[in-house]
Amino acid sequence: MKGGVNYIVPSTFSTILYLYMNIFIFALLTWYFDHVDSSNRGKTYGYFFFLDKAYWCRAKKNRSYNNKNNYSFDLAYSETLEDKRRLESTKNKENNNSSK
């Protein structure tokens, strides 16, 4: 063809690779703006929430034995042994005061 336009047609593999790259990029952007947008439901995060260790690390489950012989599972960040002992001593004091 004299004076015609030559088109470079990408291969099927590169087309599918481009499709999956777009899916990944737009899913990542959707996840990010879902957390940052203030018109969203519930809690909004800062612009750099994904750099915060607290976002990625789950809170540890703390088992505590309450007065009704049921285990209650409280989500709490790592408590020191001293804090646990102080909490138990205050509960024991309250139990002793209520039983009198």
N, C-alpha and C. Protein backbone atom coordinates (compact mmCIF):
# COMPACT_ATOMS: atom_id res chain seq x y z
N MET A 1 0.85 -1.19 0.00
CA MET A 1 0.00 0.00 0.00
C MET A 1 0.88 1.24 0.00
N LYS A 2 0.75 1.95 -1.00
CA LYS A 2 1.53 3.17 -1.10
C LYS A 2 0.79 4.28 -0.38
N GLY A 3 1.47 4.93 0.57
CA GLY A 3 0.87 6.04 1.31
C GLY A 3 -0.12 5.60 2.37
N GLY A 4 -0.21 4.30 2.65
CA GLY A 4 -1.14 3.78 3.66
C GLY A 4 -0.56 3.91 5.06
N VAL A 5 -1.37 3.67 6.05
CA VAL A 5 -0.96 3.75 7.45
C VAL A 5 -0.69 2.34 7.96
N ASN A 6 0.47 2.16 8.57
CA ASN A 6 0.80 0.86 9.14
C ASN A 6 0.43 0.85 10.62
N TYR A 7 -0.34 -0.13 11.01
CA TYR A 7 -0.74 -0.28 12.39
C TYR A 7 0.07 -1.41 13.02
N ILE A 8 0.48 -1.20 14.26
CA ILE A 8 1.14 -2.26 15.01
C ILE A 8 0.09 -2.85 15.94
N VAL A 9 -0.27 -4.07 15.71
CA VAL A 9 -1.29 -4.74 16.51
C VAL A 9 -0.58 -5.49 17.63
N PRO A 10 -0.93 -5.20 18.89
CA PRO A 10 -0.29 -5.92 20.00
C PRO A 10 -0.74 -7.37 20.04
N SER A 11 0.11 -8.20 20.61
CA SER A 11 -0.23 -9.62 20.71
C SER A 11 -1.33 -9.83 21.74
N THR A 12 -1.92 -11.00 21.70
CA THR A 12 -2.97 -11.34 22.67
C THR A 12 -2.43 -11.35 24.09
N PHE A 13 -1.21 -11.87 24.25
CA PHE A 13 -0.61 -11.92 25.58
C PHE A 13 -0.42 -10.53 26.16
N SER A 14 0.12 -9.60 25.38
CA SER A 14 0.35 -8.25 25.90
C SER A 14 -0.98 -7.54 26.18
N THR A 15 -2.01 -7.83 25.41
CA THR A 15 -3.32 -7.23 25.65
C THR A 15 -3.91 -7.73 26.97
N ILE A 16 -3.82 -9.04 27.20
CA ILE A 16 -4.34 -9.60 28.44
C ILE A 16 -3.52 -9.14 29.63
N LEU A 17 -2.20 -9.04 29.47
CA LEU A 17 -1.33 -8.53 30.53
C LEU A 17 -1.71 -7.09 30.88
N TYR A 18 -1.94 -6.27 29.86
CA TYR A 18 -2.36 -4.89 30.08
C TYR A 18 -3.71 -4.83 30.80
N LEU A 19 -4.62 -5.71 30.45
CA LEU A 19 -5.93 -5.78 31.10
C LEU A 19 -5.79 -6.08 32.59
N TYR A 20 -4.97 -7.11 32.92
CA TYR A 20 -4.78 -7.46 34.33
C TYR A 20 -4.03 -6.38 35.11
N MET A 21 -3.12 -5.70 34.47
CA MET A 21 -2.44 -4.59 35.14
C MET A 21 -3.44 -3.48 35.46
N ASN A 22 -4.33 -3.19 34.53
CA ASN A 22 -5.36 -2.17 34.78
C ASN A 22 -6.30 -2.59 35.90
N ILE A 23 -6.69 -3.87 35.93
CA ILE A 23 -7.56 -4.35 37.00
C ILE A 23 -6.88 -4.17 38.35
N PHE A 24 -5.60 -4.53 38.44
CA PHE A 24 -4.85 -4.40 39.69
C PHE A 24 -4.73 -2.94 40.12
N ILE A 25 -4.38 -2.07 39.20
CA ILE A 25 -4.20 -0.65 39.53
C ILE A 25 -5.52 -0.03 39.99
N PHE A 26 -6.61 -0.28 39.29
CA PHE A 26 -7.89 0.31 39.67
C PHE A 26 -8.45 -0.31 40.94
N ALA A 27 -8.18 -1.58 41.21
CA ALA A 27 -8.59 -2.19 42.48
C ALA A 27 -7.82 -1.57 43.63
N LEU A 28 -6.53 -1.32 43.44
CA LEU A 28 -5.70 -0.68 44.46
C LEU A 28 -6.18 0.75 44.73
N LEU A 29 -6.48 1.49 43.69
CA LEU A 29 -6.99 2.86 43.86
C LEU A 29 -8.36 2.86 44.54
N THR A 30 -9.21 1.91 44.20
CA THR A 30 -10.52 1.81 44.84
C THR A 30 -10.38 1.52 46.32
N TRP A 31 -9.51 0.58 46.67
CA TRP A 31 -9.26 0.25 48.09
C TRP A 31 -8.73 1.47 48.83
N TYR A 32 -7.79 2.21 48.23
CA TYR A 32 -7.20 3.38 48.88
C TYR A 32 -8.25 4.46 49.11
N PHE A 33 -8.99 4.84 48.08
CA PHE A 33 -9.97 5.91 48.22
C PHE A 33 -11.16 5.50 49.07
N ASP A 34 -11.43 4.22 49.16
CA ASP A 34 -12.48 3.74 50.05
C ASP A 34 -12.11 4.02 51.51
N HIS A 35 -10.84 3.97 51.85
CA HIS A 35 -10.40 4.24 53.22
C HIS A 35 -10.19 5.72 53.49
N VAL A 36 -9.86 6.50 52.49
CA VAL A 36 -9.50 7.91 52.69
C VAL A 36 -10.68 8.85 52.54
N ASP A 37 -11.62 8.51 51.69
CA ASP A 37 -12.75 9.41 51.39
C ASP A 37 -13.59 9.65 52.64
N SER A 38 -13.86 10.94 52.93
CA SER A 38 -14.60 11.27 54.14
C SER A 38 -16.11 11.06 54.00
N SER A 39 -16.63 10.95 52.79
CA SER A 39 -18.06 10.71 52.63
C SER A 39 -18.38 9.22 52.76
N ASN A 40 -17.38 8.45 53.07
CA ASN A 40 -17.53 7.01 53.20
C ASN A 40 -18.18 6.67 54.54
N ARG A 41 -18.55 5.42 54.69
CA ARG A 41 -19.16 4.97 55.94
C ARG A 41 -18.09 4.89 57.02
N GLY A 42 -18.48 5.16 58.24
CA GLY A 42 -17.63 4.92 59.40
C GLY A 42 -16.36 5.74 59.46
N LYS A 43 -15.30 5.07 59.86
CA LYS A 43 -14.02 5.72 60.15
C LYS A 43 -13.25 6.02 58.87
N THR A 44 -12.68 7.23 58.82
CA THR A 44 -11.80 7.56 57.72
C THR A 44 -10.37 7.53 58.22
N TYR A 45 -9.47 7.22 57.34
CA TYR A 45 -8.06 7.14 57.68
C TYR A 45 -7.33 8.32 57.06
N GLY A 46 -6.11 8.55 57.51
CA GLY A 46 -5.29 9.60 56.92
C GLY A 46 -4.78 9.18 55.55
N TYR A 47 -4.13 10.12 54.88
CA TYR A 47 -3.66 9.85 53.52
C TYR A 47 -2.58 8.77 53.47
N PHE A 48 -1.81 8.62 54.55
CA PHE A 48 -0.73 7.63 54.57
C PHE A 48 -1.02 6.51 55.55
N PHE A 49 -2.27 6.07 55.63
CA PHE A 49 -2.67 5.02 56.58
C PHE A 49 -1.98 3.70 56.29
N PHE A 50 -1.65 3.44 55.05
CA PHE A 50 -1.03 2.17 54.69
C PHE A 50 0.42 2.07 55.16
N LEU A 51 1.01 3.17 55.60
CA LEU A 51 2.36 3.15 56.14
C LEU A 51 2.38 2.92 57.65
N ASP A 52 1.19 2.95 58.28
CA ASP A 52 1.09 2.79 59.72
C ASP A 52 1.07 1.31 60.09
N LYS A 53 1.90 0.95 61.07
CA LYS A 53 1.99 -0.45 61.50
C LYS A 53 0.68 -0.91 62.15
N ALA A 54 0.00 -0.01 62.84
CA ALA A 54 -1.25 -0.36 63.53
C ALA A 54 -2.34 -0.77 62.54
N TYR A 55 -2.29 -0.28 61.31
CA TYR A 55 -3.30 -0.68 60.33
C TYR A 55 -3.11 -2.13 59.91
N TRP A 56 -1.88 -2.56 59.74
CA TRP A 56 -1.59 -3.89 59.23
C TRP A 56 -1.58 -4.95 60.30
N CYS A 57 -1.21 -4.60 61.54
CA CYS A 57 -1.13 -5.58 62.63
C CYS A 57 -2.45 -5.60 63.37
N ARG A 58 -3.03 -6.73 63.50
CA ARG A 58 -4.29 -6.87 64.22
C ARG A 58 -4.05 -6.76 65.72
N ALA A 59 -5.08 -6.36 66.44
CA ALA A 59 -5.00 -6.29 67.90
C ALA A 59 -5.03 -7.71 68.46
N LYS A 60 -4.34 -7.90 69.56
CA LYS A 60 -4.32 -9.20 70.19
C LYS A 60 -5.59 -9.41 70.99
N LYS A 61 -6.08 -10.64 71.02
CA LYS A 61 -7.27 -10.93 71.81
C LYS A 61 -6.83 -11.21 73.23
N ASN A 62 -7.51 -10.56 74.16
CA ASN A 62 -7.18 -10.69 75.56
C ASN A 62 -8.33 -11.40 76.25
N ARG A 63 -8.07 -12.57 76.81
CA ARG A 63 -9.12 -13.29 77.53
C ARG A 63 -9.13 -12.84 78.97
N SER A 64 -10.28 -12.49 79.43
CA SER A 64 -10.41 -12.14 80.85
C SER A 64 -11.61 -12.90 81.42
N TYR A 65 -11.48 -13.32 82.63
CA TYR A 65 -12.51 -14.11 83.29
C TYR A 65 -13.35 -13.16 84.12
N ASN A 66 -14.63 -13.03 83.80
CA ASN A 66 -15.45 -12.10 84.55
C ASN A 66 -16.23 -12.82 85.65
N ASN A 67 -17.00 -12.07 86.41
CA ASN A 67 -17.70 -12.61 87.58
C ASN A 67 -18.81 -13.60 87.24
N LYS A 68 -19.32 -13.58 86.04
CA LYS A 68 -20.45 -14.42 85.68
C LYS A 68 -20.01 -15.77 85.11
N ASN A 69 -18.78 -16.14 85.33
CA ASN A 69 -18.20 -17.39 84.85
C ASN A 69 -18.27 -17.52 83.33
N ASN A 70 -18.15 -16.41 82.66
CA ASN A 70 -18.10 -16.40 81.20
C ASN A 70 -16.77 -15.78 80.79
N TYR A 71 -16.25 -16.29 79.71
CA TYR A 71 -15.05 -15.66 79.19
C TYR A 71 -15.48 -14.51 78.28
N SER A 72 -14.88 -13.37 78.48
CA SER A 72 -15.14 -12.25 77.59
C SER A 72 -13.88 -12.00 76.79
N PHE A 73 -14.05 -11.80 75.52
CA PHE A 73 -12.92 -11.58 74.63
C PHE A 73 -12.87 -10.10 74.29
N ASP A 74 -11.92 -9.42 74.87
CA ASP A 74 -11.74 -8.00 74.63
C ASP A 74 -10.60 -7.81 73.65
N LEU A 75 -10.83 -6.96 72.67
CA LEU A 75 -9.75 -6.63 71.76
C LEU A 75 -8.93 -5.53 72.42
N ALA A 76 -7.69 -5.80 72.64
CA ALA A 76 -6.82 -4.81 73.27
C ALA A 76 -5.43 -4.96 72.71
N TYR A 77 -4.76 -3.85 72.67
CA TYR A 77 -3.36 -3.92 72.26
C TYR A 77 -2.56 -4.52 73.40
N SER A 78 -1.36 -4.87 73.12
CA SER A 78 -0.56 -5.62 74.09
C SER A 78 -0.49 -4.88 75.43
N GLU A 79 -0.99 -5.51 76.42
CA GLU A 79 -0.97 -4.95 77.77
C GLU A 79 0.22 -5.53 78.51
N THR A 80 0.78 -4.74 79.38
CA THR A 80 1.89 -5.25 80.17
C THR A 80 1.35 -6.07 81.33
N LEU A 81 2.20 -6.88 81.89
CA LEU A 81 1.80 -7.74 83.00
C LEU A 81 1.38 -6.90 84.20
N GLU A 82 2.04 -5.78 84.36
CA GLU A 82 1.70 -4.89 85.49
C GLU A 82 0.28 -4.34 85.35
N ASP A 83 -0.10 -3.97 84.14
CA ASP A 83 -1.46 -3.47 83.91
C ASP A 83 -2.50 -4.55 84.20
N LYS A 84 -2.21 -5.78 83.82
CA LYS A 84 -3.14 -6.88 84.09
C LYS A 84 -3.30 -7.12 85.58
N ARG A 85 -2.18 -7.09 86.29
CA ARG A 85 -2.25 -7.30 87.75
C ARG A 85 -3.02 -6.17 88.42
N ARG A 86 -2.80 -4.95 87.97
CA ARG A 86 -3.50 -3.80 88.55
C ARG A 86 -5.00 -3.93 88.30
N LEU A 87 -5.37 -4.36 87.10
CA LEU A 87 -6.78 -4.55 86.76
C LEU A 87 -7.41 -5.64 87.61
N GLU A 88 -6.69 -6.76 87.80
CA GLU A 88 -7.22 -7.85 88.63
C GLU A 88 -7.37 -7.43 90.08
N SER A 89 -6.42 -6.64 90.59
CA SER A 89 -6.52 -6.21 91.99
C SER A 89 -7.69 -5.27 92.20
N THR A 90 -7.96 -4.39 91.24
CA THR A 90 -9.12 -3.50 91.38
C THR A 90 -10.42 -4.29 91.28
N LYS A 91 -10.47 -5.31 90.42
CA LYS A 91 -11.67 -6.16 90.35
C LYS A 91 -11.88 -6.91 91.64
N ASN A 92 -10.80 -7.42 92.21
CA ASN A 92 -10.92 -8.13 93.47
C ASN A 92 -11.39 -7.21 94.59
N LYS A 93 -10.91 -5.98 94.62
CA LYS A 93 -11.35 -5.02 95.62
C LYS A 93 -12.83 -4.71 95.47
N GLU A 94 -13.28 -4.55 94.22
CA GLU A 94 -14.70 -4.28 93.97
C GLU A 94 -15.56 -5.47 94.39
N ASN A 95 -15.08 -6.68 94.12
CA ASN A 95 -15.83 -7.88 94.52
C ASN A 95 -15.92 -7.99 96.04
N ASN A 96 -14.84 -7.68 96.71
CA ASN A 96 -14.85 -7.74 98.17
C ASN A 96 -15.76 -6.68 98.77
N ASN A 97 -15.78 -5.49 98.18
CA ASN A 97 -16.64 -4.43 98.67
C ASN A 97 -18.13 -4.74 98.41
N SER A 98 -18.42 -5.36 97.29
CA SER A 98 -19.81 -5.65 96.97
C SER A 98 -20.35 -6.83 97.79
N SER A 99 -19.47 -7.73 98.19
CA SER A 99 -19.93 -8.90 98.96
C SER A 99 -20.17 -8.56 100.42
N LYS A 100 -19.66 -7.44 100.90
CA LYS A 100 -19.86 -7.06 102.33
C LYS A 100 -21.17 -6.43 102.57
